[in-house]
PDB file of N, CA and C in Angstrom:
ATOM      1  N   MET A   1     -23.377   7.579 -32.149  1.00  0.00           N
ATOM      2  CA  MET A   1     -21.806   6.666 -31.468  1.00  0.00           C
ATOM      3  C   MET A   1     -21.966   8.818 -31.076  1.00  0.00           C
ATOM      4  N   SER A   2     -21.758   8.755 -29.451  1.00  0.00           N
ATOM      5  CA  SER A   2     -21.434  10.507 -29.478  1.00  0.00           C
ATOM      6  C   SER A   2     -19.555  10.560 -29.497  1.00  0.00           C
ATOM      7  N   ARG A   3     -20.131  11.605 -29.774  1.00  0.00           N
ATOM      8  CA  ARG A   3     -18.370  12.667 -29.872  1.00  0.00           C
ATOM      9  C   ARG A   3     -18.132  13.379 -28.568  1.00  0.00           C
ATOM     10  N   VAL A   4     -16.935  12.548 -27.843  1.00  0.00           N
ATOM     11  CA  VAL A   4     -16.469  13.732 -26.573  1.00  0.00           C
ATOM     12  C   VAL A   4     -15.573  15.611 -27.114  1.00  0.00           C
ATOM     13  N   GLU A   5     -16.259  16.340 -26.679  1.00  0.00           N
ATOM     14  CA  GLU A   5     -15.863  17.384 -27.828  1.00  0.00           C
ATOM     15  C   GLU A   5     -14.387  17.787 -27.103  1.00  0.00           C
ATOM     16  N   GLY A   6     -13.296  18.062 -27.986  1.00  0.00           N
ATOM     17  CA  GLY A   6     -11.969  18.447 -28.040  1.00  0.00           C
ATOM     18  C   GLY A   6     -11.303  17.025 -28.556  1.00  0.00           C
ATOM     19  N   ALA A   7     -12.261  15.951 -28.698  1.00  0.00           N
ATOM     20  CA  ALA A   7     -11.855  14.489 -28.937  1.00  0.00           C
ATOM     21  C   ALA A   7     -10.468  14.223 -30.747  1.00  0.00           C
ATOM     22  N   VAL A   8      -9.578  14.156 -29.993  1.00  0.00           N
ATOM     23  CA  VAL A   8      -9.230  13.645 -31.640  1.00  0.00           C
ATOM     24  C   VAL A   8      -9.157  12.369 -31.584  1.00  0.00           C
ATOM     25  N   ALA A   9      -9.669  11.446 -32.949  1.00  0.00           N
ATOM     26  CA  ALA A   9      -9.682  10.363 -33.019  1.00  0.00           C
ATOM     27  C   ALA A   9      -8.130   9.742 -33.844  1.00  0.00           C
ATOM     28  N   PRO A  10      -7.544   8.779 -33.626  1.00  0.00           N
ATOM     29  CA  PRO A  10      -6.147   8.580 -33.791  1.00  0.00           C
ATOM     30  C   PRO A  10      -6.123   8.799 -35.660  1.00  0.00           C
ATOM     31  N   ARG A  11      -5.321   8.433 -36.142  1.00  0.00           N
ATOM     32  CA  ARG A  11      -5.172   8.124 -37.497  1.00  0.00           C
ATOM     33  C   ARG A  11      -4.610   6.660 -37.830  1.00  0.00           C
ATOM     34  N   PRO A  12      -5.527   6.237 -39.190  1.00  0.00           N
ATOM     35  CA  PRO A  12      -5.296   4.889 -39.570  1.00  0.00           C
ATOM     36  C   PRO A  12      -4.407   4.518 -38.980  1.00  0.00           C
ATOM     37  N   GLY A  13      -3.958   3.824 -38.484  1.00  0.00           N
ATOM     38  CA  GLY A  13      -2.360   3.158 -38.748  1.00  0.00           C
ATOM     39  C   GLY A  13      -1.716   3.458 -37.833  1.00  0.00           C
ATOM     40  N   ALA A  14      -1.663   4.517 -37.096  1.00  0.00           N
ATOM     41  CA  ALA A  14      -0.626   5.761 -36.589  1.00  0.00           C
ATOM     42  C   ALA A  14      -0.528   4.646 -34.779  1.00  0.00           C
ATOM     43  N   PRO A  15       0.494   4.695 -34.633  1.00  0.00           N
ATOM     44  CA  PRO A  15       0.801   3.844 -32.959  1.00  0.00           C
ATOM     45  C   PRO A  15       0.537   4.073 -32.043  1.00  0.00           C
ATOM     46  N   ALA A  16       0.202   3.583 -31.691  1.00  0.00           N
ATOM     47  CA  ALA A  16      -0.682   3.102 -30.274  1.00  0.00           C
ATOM     48  C   ALA A  16       0.183   4.634 -29.113  1.00  0.00           C
ATOM     49  N   PRO A  17      -0.894   5.355 -28.871  1.00  0.00           N
ATOM     50  CA  PRO A  17       0.086   6.241 -27.155  1.00  0.00           C
ATOM     51  C   PRO A  17       1.348   5.604 -26.494  1.00  0.00           C
ATOM     52  N   ARG A  18       2.353   6.165 -26.364  1.00  0.00           N
ATOM     53  CA  ARG A  18       3.484   5.394 -25.706  1.00  0.00           C
ATOM     54  C   ARG A  18       3.139   6.111 -24.124  1.00  0.00           C
ATOM     55  N   THR A  19       3.003   4.830 -22.604  1.00  0.00           N
ATOM     56  CA  THR A  19       2.570   4.985 -22.249  1.00  0.00           C
ATOM     57  C   THR A  19       4.703   5.598 -21.156  1.00  0.00           C
ATOM     58  N   PRO A  20       5.066   6.712 -20.495  1.00  0.00           N
ATOM     59  CA  PRO A  20       5.693   6.686 -19.351  1.00  0.00           C
ATOM     60  C   PRO A  20       6.254   5.097 -19.288  1.00  0.00           C
ATOM     61  N   LYS A  21       8.013   5.520 -18.826  1.00  0.00           N
ATOM     62  CA  LYS A  21       8.015   4.917 -18.487  1.00  0.00           C
ATOM     63  C   LYS A  21       8.307   4.143 -16.556  1.00  0.00           C
ATOM     64  N   LEU A  22       7.975   5.223 -16.055  1.00  0.00           N
ATOM     65  CA  LEU A  22       7.832   5.760 -14.524  1.00  0.00           C
ATOM     66  C   LEU A  22       6.327   4.718 -13.992  1.00  0.00           C
ATOM     67  N   SER A  23       5.430   4.956 -15.645  1.00  0.00           N
ATOM     68  CA  SER A  23       3.684   4.562 -15.064  1.00  0.00           C
ATOM     69  C   SER A  23       4.120   3.339 -14.650  1.00  0.00           C
ATOM     70  N   LYS A  24       4.730   2.392 -15.935  1.00  0.00           N
ATOM     71  CA  LYS A  24       5.476   0.871 -16.140  1.00  0.00           C
ATOM     72  C   LYS A  24       6.042   0.281 -14.549  1.00  0.00           C
ATOM     73  N   VAL A  25       6.518   1.451 -13.792  1.00  0.00           N
ATOM     74  CA  VAL A  25       6.630   0.685 -12.775  1.00  0.00           C
ATOM     75  C   VAL A  25       6.286   1.069 -11.789  1.00  0.00           C
ATOM     76  N   LEU A  26       5.525   2.927 -11.723  1.00  0.00           N
ATOM     77  CA  LEU A  26       4.647   2.727  -9.998  1.00  0.00           C
ATOM     78  C   LEU A  26       2.878   1.451 -10.235  1.00  0.00           C
ATOM     79  N   ARG A  27       2.606   1.583 -11.103  1.00  0.00           N
ATOM     80  CA  ARG A  27       1.472   1.098 -11.476  1.00  0.00           C
ATOM     81  C   ARG A  27       1.633  -0.252 -10.958  1.00  0.00           C
ATOM     82  N   PRO A  28       2.423  -1.792 -10.923  1.00  0.00           N
ATOM     83  CA  PRO A  28       2.646  -2.777 -10.500  1.00  0.00           C
ATOM     84  C   PRO A  28       2.794  -2.578  -8.820  1.00  0.00           C
ATOM     85  N   ILE A  29       3.665  -1.465  -8.267  1.00  0.00           N
ATOM     86  CA  ILE A  29       3.430  -0.705  -6.787  1.00  0.00           C
ATOM     87  C   ILE A  29       2.798  -1.045  -6.629  1.00  0.00           C
ATOM     88  N   TRP A  30       1.773   0.594  -7.272  1.00  0.00           N
ATOM     89  CA  TRP A  30       0.457   0.444  -6.625  1.00  0.00           C
ATOM     90  C   TRP A  30      -0.090  -0.560  -6.581  1.00  0.00           C
ATOM     91  N   ASP A  31      -0.535  -1.351  -7.018  1.00  0.00           N
ATOM     92  CA  ASP A  31      -1.134  -2.594  -7.533  1.00  0.00           C
ATOM     93  C   ASP A  31      -1.014  -3.424  -6.242  1.00  0.00           C
ATOM     94  N   ASN A  32       0.286  -3.209  -5.854  1.00  0.00           N
ATOM     95  CA  ASN A  32       0.404  -4.424  -4.962  1.00  0.00           C
ATOM     96  C   ASN A  32       0.592  -4.179  -3.684  1.00  0.00           C
ATOM     97  N   THR A  33       0.858  -2.832  -3.665  1.00  0.00           N
ATOM     98  CA  THR A  33       0.346  -1.903  -2.069  1.00  0.00           C
ATOM     99  C   THR A  33      -1.242  -1.703  -2.198  1.00  0.00           C
ATOM    100  N   TYR A  34      -1.564  -1.886  -3.496  1.00  0.00           N
ATOM    101  CA  TYR A  34      -3.445  -1.569  -2.794  1.00  0.00           C
ATOM    102  C   TYR A  34      -3.981  -3.222  -2.864  1.00  0.00           C
ATOM    103  N   GLY A  35      -3.443  -3.820  -3.155  1.00  0.00           N
ATOM    104  CA  GLY A  35      -3.798  -6.122  -2.940  1.00  0.00           C
ATOM    105  C   GLY A  35      -3.158  -5.747  -1.469  1.00  0.00           C
ATOM    106  N   LEU A  36      -1.923  -5.420  -1.201  1.00  0.00           N
ATOM    107  CA  LEU A  36      -2.042  -5.791   0.260  1.00  0.00           C
ATOM    108  C   LEU A  36      -3.142  -4.904   1.428  1.00  0.00           C
ATOM    109  N   LEU A  37      -3.252  -4.072   1.458  1.00  0.00           N
ATOM    110  CA  LEU A  37      -4.194  -3.635   2.656  1.00  0.00           C
ATOM    111  C   LEU A  37      -5.404  -3.977   2.148  1.00  0.00           C
ATOM    112  N   VAL A  38      -6.097  -3.843   0.805  1.00  0.00           N
ATOM    113  CA  VAL A  38      -7.269  -4.141   0.769  1.00  0.00           C
ATOM    114  C   VAL A  38      -7.633  -5.636   0.814  1.00  0.00           C
ATOM    115  N   ASP A  39      -6.736  -6.676   0.325  1.00  0.00           N
ATOM    116  CA  ASP A  39      -7.468  -7.895  -0.042  1.00  0.00           C
ATOM    117  C   ASP A  39      -6.403  -8.630   1.588  1.00  0.00           C
ATOM    118  N   ASP A  40      -5.724  -8.177   2.106  1.00  0.00           N
ATOM    119  CA  ASP A  40      -5.328  -8.720   3.183  1.00  0.00           C
ATOM    120  C   ASP A  40      -6.148  -7.655   4.351  1.00  0.00           C
ATOM    121  N   GLY A  41      -6.965  -8.385   4.656  1.00  0.00           N
ATOM    122  CA  GLY A  41      -8.069  -7.708   6.004  1.00  0.00           C
ATOM    123  C   GLY A  41      -6.865  -7.615   7.667  1.00  0.00           C
ATOM    124  N   GLN A  42      -6.230  -8.289   7.654  1.00  0.00           N
ATOM    125  CA  GLN A  42      -5.981  -8.698   9.454  1.00  0.00           C
ATOM    126  C   GLN A  42      -4.445  -7.493   9.036  1.00  0.00           C
ATOM    127  N   LEU A  43      -3.852  -7.016   8.241  1.00  0.00           N
ATOM    128  CA  LEU A  43      -3.012  -6.021   7.821  1.00  0.00           C
ATOM    129  C   LEU A  43      -3.246  -4.747   8.256  1.00  0.00           C
ATOM    130  N   ALA A  44      -4.673  -4.604   6.823  1.00  0.00           N
ATOM    131  CA  ALA A  44      -5.235  -2.631   7.253  1.00  0.00           C
ATOM    132  C   ALA A  44      -5.632  -2.840   8.716  1.00  0.00           C
ATOM    133  N   ILE A  45      -6.483  -4.021   9.281  1.00  0.00           N
ATOM    134  CA  ILE A  45      -6.745  -3.931  10.676  1.00  0.00           C
ATOM    135  C   ILE A  45      -5.717  -3.188  11.507  1.00  0.00           C
ATOM    136  N   GLY A  46      -4.950  -3.820  11.371  1.00  0.00           N
ATOM    137  CA  GLY A  46      -3.770  -4.066  12.038  1.00  0.00           C
ATOM    138  C   GLY A  46      -3.069  -2.229  11.188  1.00  0.00           C
ATOM    139  N   ALA A  47      -2.787  -1.805  10.574  1.00  0.00           N
ATOM    140  CA  ALA A  47      -2.168  -0.819  10.714  1.00  0.00           C
ATOM    141  C   ALA A  47      -2.805   0.642  10.848  1.00  0.00           C
ATOM    142  N   ILE A  48      -4.067   0.147  11.443  1.00  0.00           N
ATOM    143  CA  ILE A  48      -5.286   1.421  12.013  1.00  0.00           C
ATOM    144  C   ILE A  48      -4.971   1.437  13.071  1.00  0.00           C
ATOM    145  N   ALA A  49      -4.583   0.004  13.603  1.00  0.00           N
ATOM    146  CA  ALA A  49      -4.551  -0.116  15.062  1.00  0.00           C
ATOM    147  C   ALA A  49      -3.128   0.283  15.278  1.00  0.00           C
ATOM    148  N   ALA A  50      -2.113   0.362  14.525  1.00  0.00           N
ATOM    149  CA  ALA A  50      -1.199   1.137  15.044  1.00  0.00           C
ATOM    150  C   ALA A  50      -0.857   2.666  15.139  1.00  0.00           C
ATOM    151  N   LEU A  51      -1.419   3.159  13.863  1.00  0.00           N
ATOM    152  CA  LEU A  51      -2.076   4.603  13.474  1.00  0.00           C
ATOM    153  C   LEU A  51      -2.861   4.872  15.174  1.00  0.00           C
ATOM    154  N   ALA A  52      -3.555   4.017  15.731  1.00  0.00           N
ATOM    155  CA  ALA A  52      -4.212   4.707  17.041  1.00  0.00           C
ATOM    156  C   ALA A  52      -3.865   4.017  17.910  1.00  0.00           C
ATOM    157  N   ILE A  53      -2.449   3.417  18.107  1.00  0.00           N
ATOM    158  CA  ILE A  53      -1.613   3.366  19.549  1.00  0.00           C
ATOM    159  C   ILE A  53      -0.424   4.353  19.520  1.00  0.00           C
ATOM    160  N   THR A  54      -0.341   5.063  17.950  1.00  0.00           N
ATOM    161  CA  THR A  54       0.291   6.138  18.076  1.00  0.00           C
ATOM    162  C   THR A  54       0.233   7.451  18.712  1.00  0.00           C
ATOM    163  N   TRP A  55      -0.754   7.569  17.784  1.00  0.00           N
ATOM    164  CA  TRP A  55      -2.040   8.601  18.231  1.00  0.00           C
ATOM    165  C   TRP A  55      -2.545   9.331  19.714  1.00  0.00           C
ATOM    166  N   LEU A  56      -2.614   7.639  20.587  1.00  0.00           N
ATOM    167  CA  LEU A  56      -2.777   7.927  21.475  1.00  0.00           C
ATOM    168  C   LEU A  56      -1.591   8.183  22.508  1.00  0.00           C
ATOM    169  N   ILE A  57      -0.592   7.515  22.114  1.00  0.00           N
ATOM    170  CA  ILE A  57       0.786   8.276  22.633  1.00  0.00           C
ATOM    171  C   ILE A  57       1.442   9.547  22.089  1.00  0.00           C
ATOM    172  N   ALA A  58       0.960   9.746  21.124  1.00  0.00           N
ATOM    173  CA  ALA A  58       1.866  11.395  21.058  1.00  0.00           C
ATOM    174  C   ALA A  58       0.435  12.558  22.203  1.00  0.00           C
ATOM    175  N   ALA A  59      -1.010  11.726  22.113  1.00  0.00           N
ATOM    176  CA  ALA A  59      -2.443  12.215  21.941  1.00  0.00           C
ATOM    177  C   ALA A  59      -1.393  12.433  24.356  1.00  0.00           C
ATOM    178  N   SER A  60      -0.983  11.538  24.668  1.00  0.00           N
ATOM    179  CA  SER A  60      -1.442  11.834  25.753  1.00  0.00           C
ATOM    180  C   SER A  60      -0.338  10.900  27.245  1.00  0.00           C
ATOM    181  N   SER A  61       0.999  10.696  26.357  1.00  0.00           N
ATOM    182  CA  SER A  61       1.907  10.540  27.310  1.00  0.00           C
ATOM    183  C   SER A  61       2.865  11.727  27.280  1.00  0.00           C
ATOM    184  N   ALA A  62       4.239  11.456  27.716  1.00  0.00           N
ATOM    185  CA  ALA A  62       5.838  12.693  28.439  1.00  0.00           C
ATOM    186  C   ALA A  62       5.824  13.113  27.091  1.00  0.00           C
ATOM    187  N   GLU A  63       6.103  13.769  27.535  1.00  0.00           N
ATOM    188  CA  GLU A  63       7.191  14.821  26.008  1.00  0.00           C
ATOM    189  C   GLU A  63       8.286  13.976  25.434  1.00  0.00           C
ATOM    190  N   ALA A  64       9.153  13.647  26.320  1.00  0.00           N
ATOM    191  CA  ALA A  64      10.061  12.043  25.791  1.00  0.00           C
ATOM    192  C   ALA A  64       9.893  11.557  24.660  1.00  0.00           C
ATOM    193  N   LEU A  65       8.634  10.785  25.553  1.00  0.00           N
ATOM    194  CA  LEU A  65       8.679   9.093  24.611  1.00  0.00           C
ATOM    195  C   LEU A  65       7.167  10.026  23.267  1.00  0.00           C
ATOM    196  N   ARG A  66       6.133  10.906  23.884  1.00  0.00           N
ATOM    197  CA  ARG A  66       5.672  12.013  22.389  1.00  0.00           C
ATOM    198  C   ARG A  66       6.410  12.352  21.396  1.00  0.00           C
ATOM    199  N   GLU A  67       7.852  13.000  21.605  1.00  0.00           N
ATOM    200  CA  GLU A  67       8.502  12.681  20.279  1.00  0.00           C
ATOM    201  C   GLU A  67       9.623  11.576  20.062  1.00  0.00           C
ATOM    202  N   ASN A  68       9.302  10.579  20.406  1.00  0.00           N
ATOM    203  CA  ASN A  68       9.702   9.043  19.508  1.00  0.00           C
ATOM    204  C   ASN A  68       8.801   8.812  19.038  1.00  0.00           C
ATOM    205  N   ALA A  69       7.165   9.449  18.793  1.00  0.00           N
ATOM    206  CA  ALA A  69       5.947   8.469  18.596  1.00  0.00           C
ATOM    207  C   ALA A  69       6.208   7.927  17.149  1.00  0.00           C
ATOM    208  N   GLY A  70       7.001   8.590  16.061  1.00  0.00           N
ATOM    209  CA  GLY A  70       7.642   8.775  14.855  1.00  0.00           C
ATOM    210  C   GLY A  70       8.014   7.172  14.973  1.00  0.00           C
ATOM    211  N   TRP A  71       8.688   6.924  15.797  1.00  0.00           N
ATOM    212  CA  TRP A  71       9.724   5.545  15.778  1.00  0.00           C
ATOM    213  C   TRP A  71       8.959   4.693  16.477  1.00  0.00           C
ATOM    214  N   VAL A  72       7.917   4.661  16.957  1.00  0.00           N
ATOM    215  CA  VAL A  72       6.823   3.576  18.175  1.00  0.00           C
ATOM    216  C   VAL A  72       6.276   3.250  16.581  1.00  0.00           C
ATOM    217  N   LEU A  73       5.495   4.259  15.586  1.00  0.00           N
ATOM    218  CA  LEU A  73       5.315   3.800  14.242  1.00  0.00           C
ATOM    219  C   LEU A  73       5.797   2.978  13.439  1.00  0.00           C
ATOM    220  N   LEU A  74       6.176   3.496  13.219  1.00  0.00           N
ATOM    221  CA  LEU A  74       7.943   2.891  12.213  1.00  0.00           C
ATOM    222  C   LEU A  74       7.902   1.716  12.834  1.00  0.00           C
ATOM    223  N   VAL A  75       8.443   1.306  14.352  1.00  0.00           N
ATOM    224  CA  VAL A  75       8.298  -0.466  14.896  1.00  0.00           C
ATOM    225  C   VAL A  75       6.875  -1.006  15.047  1.00  0.00           C
ATOM    226  N   LEU A  76       5.812  -0.145  14.773  1.00  0.00           N
ATOM    227  CA  LEU A  76       4.592  -1.045  14.947  1.00  0.00           C
ATOM    228  C   LEU A  76       4.540  -1.796  13.356  1.00  0.00           C
ATOM    229  N   VAL A  77       4.828  -0.529  12.444  1.00  0.00           N
ATOM    230  CA  VAL A  77       4.559  -1.107  10.800  1.00  0.00           C
ATOM    231  C   VAL A  77       5.380  -2.072  10.888  1.00  0.00           C
ATOM    232  N   LEU A  78       6.572  -2.209  10.935  1.00  0.00           N
ATOM    233  CA  LEU A  78       7.349  -3.403  10.133  1.00  0.00           C
ATOM    234  C   LEU A  78       7.197  -4.235  11.187  1.00  0.00           C
ATOM    235  N   ALA A  79       6.533  -4.636  12.152  1.00  0.00           N
ATOM    236  CA  ALA A  79       6.089  -5.426  12.870  1.00  0.00           C
ATOM    237  C   ALA A  79       5.412  -6.512  11.842  1.00  0.00           C
ATOM    238  N   LEU A  80       3.843  -6.213  11.937  1.00  0.00           N
ATOM    239  CA  LEU A  80       3.011  -6.272  11.492  1.00  0.00           C
ATOM    240  C   LEU A  80       3.638  -6.364  10.048  1.00  0.00           C
ATOM    241  N   VAL A  81       4.235  -5.809   9.332  1.00  0.00           N
ATOM    242  CA  VAL A  81       4.745  -6.447   7.483  1.00  0.00           C
ATOM    243  C   VAL A  81       5.544  -7.946   7.567  1.00  0.00           C
ATOM    244  N   ILE A  82       6.551  -7.481   8.544  1.00  0.00           N
ATOM    245  CA  ILE A  82       7.232  -8.938   9.488  1.00  0.00           C
ATOM    246  C   ILE A  82       6.108 -10.160   9.292  1.00  0.00           C
ATOM    247  N   ALA A  83       5.452  -9.900  10.617  1.00  0.00           N
ATOM    248  CA  ALA A  83       4.231 -11.244  11.408  1.00  0.00           C
ATOM    249  C   ALA A  83       3.084 -11.354   9.370  1.00  0.00           C
ATOM    250  N   ASN A  84       3.124 -10.717   8.900  1.00  0.00           N
ATOM    251  CA  ASN A  84       2.292 -11.076   7.800  1.00  0.00           C
ATOM    252  C   ASN A  84       3.171 -11.986   6.510  1.00  0.00           C
ATOM    253  N   LEU A  85       4.165 -10.840   5.940  1.00  0.00           N
ATOM    254  CA  LEU A  85       5.282 -12.439   5.746  1.00  0.00           C
ATOM    255  C   LEU A  85       5.401 -13.487   5.913  1.00  0.00           C
ATOM    256  N   TYR A  86       5.395 -13.431   6.945  1.00  0.00           N
ATOM    257  CA  TYR A  86       5.963 -14.686   8.013  1.00  0.00           C
ATOM    258  C   TYR A  86       4.690 -15.760   7.525  1.00  0.00           C
ATOM    259  N   ARG A  87       3.585 -15.117   7.659  1.00  0.00           N
ATOM    260  CA  ARG A  87       2.177 -15.806   7.935  1.00  0.00           C
ATOM    261  C   ARG A  87       2.307 -16.347   5.911  1.00  0.00           C
ATOM    262  N   ALA A  88       1.993 -15.410   5.693  1.00  0.00           N
ATOM    263  CA  ALA A  88       1.699 -16.352   3.895  1.00  0.00           C
ATOM    264  C   ALA A  88       2.246 -16.720   3.414  1.00  0.00           C
ATOM    265  N   GLY A  89       4.476 -16.778   4.160  1.00  0.00           N
ATOM    266  CA  GLY A  89       5.035 -17.919   3.644  1.00  0.00           C
ATOM    267  C   GLY A  89       4.620 -19.269   3.840  1.00  0.00           C
ATOM    268  N   HIS A  90       4.357 -19.263   5.458  1.00  0.00           N
ATOM    269  CA  HIS A  90       4.142 -20.207   5.641  1.00  0.00           C
ATOM    270  C   HIS A  90       3.287 -21.171   5.199  1.00  0.00           C
ATOM    271  N   ASN A  91       1.908 -20.454   4.668  1.00  0.00           N
ATOM    272  CA  ASN A  91       0.210 -20.107   3.811  1.00  0.00           C
ATOM    273  C   ASN A  91       1.320 -20.904   2.814  1.00  0.00           C
ATOM    274  N   ALA A  92       1.497 -20.345   1.731  1.00  0.00           N
ATOM    275  CA  ALA A  92       2.575 -20.818   0.392  1.00  0.00           C
ATOM    276  C   ALA A  92       3.221 -22.275   0.658  1.00  0.00           C
ATOM    277  N   ARG A  93       3.751 -22.466   2.026  1.00  0.00           N
ATOM    278  CA  ARG A  93       4.437 -23.227   1.890  1.00  0.00           C
ATOM    279  C   ARG A  93       3.245 -24.889   2.140  1.00  0.00           C
ATOM    280  N   ARG A  94       2.272 -24.421   3.260  1.00  0.00           N
ATOM    281  CA  ARG A  94       1.774 -25.167   3.242  1.00  0.00           C
ATOM    282  C   ARG A  94       0.451 -26.237   2.363  1.00  0.00           C
ATOM    283  N   ARG A  95       0.681 -24.888   1.386  1.00  0.00           N
ATOM    284  CA  ARG A  95      -0.162 -25.393  -0.112  1.00  0.00           C
ATOM    285  C   ARG A  95       0.585 -25.588  -1.387  1.00  0.00           C
ATOM    286  N   THR A  96       1.989 -25.828  -0.733  1.00  0.00           N
ATOM    287  CA  THR A  96       3.238 -26.236  -2.194  1.00  0.00           C
ATOM    288  C   THR A  96       3.202 -27.385  -1.537  1.00  0.00           C
ATOM    289  N   GLY A  97       3.152 -27.883  -0.595  1.00  0.00           N
ATOM    290  CA  GLY A  97       3.931 -29.279  -0.129  1.00  0.00           C
ATOM    291  C   GLY A  97       3.393 -30.255   1.273  1.00  0.00           C
TER     292      GLY A  97
END
């Protein structure tokens, strides 16, 4: 068995190391976000497309539209998320009933 330099073995009967409460909150958020973006390929492709559309608007449009490119990205991402939630709800309803 190899030992890690500087590692301290826990005492027998010592309580397990505590995880901060914040990590208990952030871990499920990260897992859900990761699952949304990686497991659902259409959502990931849509997010990349929304970024590409926003980049094209910011790079090649008039100044007034360029200043509002962030709002365009927000609207595109919200529409994408709403469409994905609708589709997920429809699929869940079809499976259960």
